[in-house]
C-alpha atoms as a PDB file:
ATOM      1  CA  MET A   1      -0.005  -0.011  -0.001  1.00  0.00           C
ATOM      2  CA  THR A   2       2.795   2.455   0.838  1.00  0.00           C
ATOM      3  CA  ASP A   3       4.505   1.764  -2.464  1.00  0.00           C
ATOM      4  CA  HIS A   4       1.264   2.445  -4.328  1.00  0.00           C
ATOM      5  CA  LEU A   5       0.747   5.738  -2.501  1.00  0.00           C
ATOM      6  CA  LYS A   6       4.398   6.704  -2.936  1.00  0.00           C
ATOM      7  CA  ASN A   7       4.150   6.046  -6.688  1.00  0.00           C
ATOM      8  CA  LYS A   8       1.092   8.299  -6.868  1.00  0.00           C
ATOM      9  CA  ILE A   9       2.816  11.231  -5.150  1.00  0.00           C
ATOM     10  CA  GLN A  10       6.177  10.405  -6.811  1.00  0.00           C
ATOM     11  CA  LYS A  11       8.190  12.501  -4.354  1.00  0.00           C
ATOM     12  CA  GLY A  12       7.456  12.519  -0.651  1.00  0.00           C
ATOM     13  CA  ILE A  13       6.875  10.574   2.526  1.00  0.00           C
ATOM     14  CA  VAL A  14       4.048   8.140   3.217  1.00  0.00           C
ATOM     15  CA  ILE A  15       3.168   7.161   6.794  1.00  0.00           C
ATOM     16  CA  VAL A  16       0.540   4.492   7.446  1.00  0.00           C
ATOM     17  CA  VAL A  17      -0.726   3.521  10.884  1.00  0.00           C
ATOM     18  CA  GLY A  18      -2.925   0.436  10.910  1.00  0.00           C
ATOM     19  CA  GLN A  19      -5.213  -0.962  13.527  1.00  0.00           C
ATOM     20  CA  GLY A  20      -4.407  -4.282  15.134  1.00  0.00           C
ATOM     21  CA  ASN A  21      -5.186  -6.217  18.279  1.00  0.00           C
ATOM     22  CA  GLY A  22      -3.029  -4.812  21.056  1.00  0.00           C
ATOM     23  CA  SER A  23      -0.340  -3.589  18.687  1.00  0.00           C
ATOM     24  CA  HIS A  24      -0.776  -1.382  15.659  1.00  0.00           C
ATOM     25  CA  PRO A  25       1.482  -1.569  12.581  1.00  0.00           C
ATOM     26  CA  VAL A  26       3.335   1.597  11.568  1.00  0.00           C
ATOM     27  CA  ILE A  27       4.956   1.880   8.121  1.00  0.00           C
ATOM     28  CA  VAL A  28       7.005   4.755   6.724  1.00  0.00           C
ATOM     29  CA  SER A  29       8.066   4.962   3.094  1.00  0.00           C
ATOM     30  CA  VAL A  30      10.276   7.734   1.671  1.00  0.00           C
ATOM     31  CA  SER A  31      10.794   8.253  -2.051  1.00  0.00           C
ATOM     32  CA  LYS A  32      14.365   7.437  -3.007  1.00  0.00           C
ATOM     33  CA  ASP A  33      15.129  10.940  -4.264  1.00  0.00           C
ATOM     34  CA  ILE A  34      14.725  12.414  -0.764  1.00  0.00           C
ATOM     35  CA  SER A  35      15.810   9.410   1.327  1.00  0.00           C
ATOM     36  CA  GLY A  36      19.214  11.054   1.818  1.00  0.00           C
ATOM     37  CA  GLU A  37      17.502  13.998   3.448  1.00  0.00           C
ATOM     38  CA  TYR A  38      14.757  12.153   5.327  1.00  0.00           C
ATOM     39  CA  SER A  39      15.267   8.665   6.743  1.00  0.00           C
ATOM     40  CA  ALA A  40      12.224   6.395   6.998  1.00  0.00           C
ATOM     41  CA  GLY A  41      13.885   4.604   9.912  1.00  0.00           C
ATOM     42  CA  ASN A  42      14.354   7.803  11.888  1.00  0.00           C
ATOM     43  CA  ILE A  43      10.835   9.027  11.160  1.00  0.00           C
ATOM     44  CA  LEU A  44       9.422   5.661  12.199  1.00  0.00           C
ATOM     45  CA  LYS A  45      11.333   5.676  15.483  1.00  0.00           C
ATOM     46  CA  GLU A  46       9.811   9.074  16.326  1.00  0.00           C
ATOM     47  CA  VAL A  47       6.253   8.156  15.305  1.00  0.00           C
ATOM     48  CA  ALA A  48       6.272   4.755  16.987  1.00  0.00           C
ATOM     49  CA  GLY A  49       8.063   6.196  20.026  1.00  0.00           C
ATOM     50  CA  VAL A  50       5.336   8.740  20.674  1.00  0.00           C
ATOM     51  CA  MET A  51       2.808   5.891  20.489  1.00  0.00           C
ATOM     52  CA  GLY A  52       4.850   3.711  22.855  1.00  0.00           C
ATOM     53  CA  GLY A  53       6.299   1.421  20.202  1.00  0.00           C
ATOM     54  CA  LYS A  54       9.421   0.807  18.200  1.00  0.00           C
ATOM     55  CA  GLY A  55      10.708  -0.288  14.833  1.00  0.00           C
ATOM     56  CA  GLY A  56      13.368   0.338  12.263  1.00  0.00           C
ATOM     57  CA  GLY A  57      14.396  -0.073   8.685  1.00  0.00           C
ATOM     58  CA  ARG A  58      16.212   1.389   5.723  1.00  0.00           C
ATOM     59  CA  PRO A  59      16.395   5.041   4.675  1.00  0.00           C
ATOM     60  CA  ASP A  60      13.567   4.500   2.177  1.00  0.00           C
ATOM     61  CA  PHE A  61      11.350   2.028   4.087  1.00  0.00           C
ATOM     62  CA  ALA A  62      10.752   1.194   7.748  1.00  0.00           C
ATOM     63  CA  GLN A  63       8.193  -0.700   9.777  1.00  0.00           C
ATOM     64  CA  GLY A  64       7.324  -1.196  13.374  1.00  0.00           C
ATOM     65  CA  ALA A  65       4.445  -1.417  15.820  1.00  0.00           C
ATOM     66  CA  ALA A  66       2.954   0.692  18.572  1.00  0.00           C
ATOM     67  CA  PRO A  67       0.506  -0.227  21.326  1.00  0.00           C
ATOM     68  CA  ASP A  68      -1.113   3.188  21.961  1.00  0.00           C
ATOM     69  CA  ARG A  69      -3.074   4.312  18.886  1.00  0.00           C
ATOM     70  CA  THR A  70      -4.750   7.052  20.928  1.00  0.00           C
ATOM     71  CA  LYS A  71      -1.528   9.067  20.570  1.00  0.00           C
ATOM     72  CA  ILE A  72      -1.702   9.153  16.779  1.00  0.00           C
ATOM     73  CA  GLU A  73      -2.322  12.917  16.640  1.00  0.00           C
ATOM     74  CA  ALA A  74       0.699  13.593  18.843  1.00  0.00           C
ATOM     75  CA  ALA A  75       2.757  11.287  16.629  1.00  0.00           C
ATOM     76  CA  PHE A  76       1.806  13.163  13.459  1.00  0.00           C
ATOM     77  CA  LYS A  77       2.519  16.505  15.175  1.00  0.00           C
ATOM     78  CA  LYS A  78       5.995  15.146  15.935  1.00  0.00           C
ATOM     79  CA  VAL A  79       6.434  14.317  12.243  1.00  0.00           C
ATOM     80  CA  GLN A  80       5.398  17.840  11.292  1.00  0.00           C
ATOM     81  CA  GLU A  81       8.021  19.224  13.673  1.00  0.00           C
ATOM     82  CA  LEU A  82      10.676  16.893  12.253  1.00  0.00           C
ATOM     83  CA  LEU A  83       9.867  17.875   8.667  1.00  0.00           C
ATOM     84  CA  GLY A  84       9.346  21.560   9.402  1.00  0.00           C
ATOM     85  CA  ILE A  85       5.803  21.638   8.037  1.00  0.00           C
END
């Protein structure tokens, strides 16, 4: 799903937070042309960390899980701070 979304926007960052039982998947995908500037692994660590989880990955793709989906707004605010948007 993240690859499909990334192909649609062509340049950018896609963050998907799913809904699971007890733990919620978090996936970050960064287009290759900006993966030197923005690391999917670092973004994921921040997002999942705010939500009480963890994960890791490559500069262009990372995945993890977080138990507290109620903190999703705070996690996305953290991303906005990181990206300066």
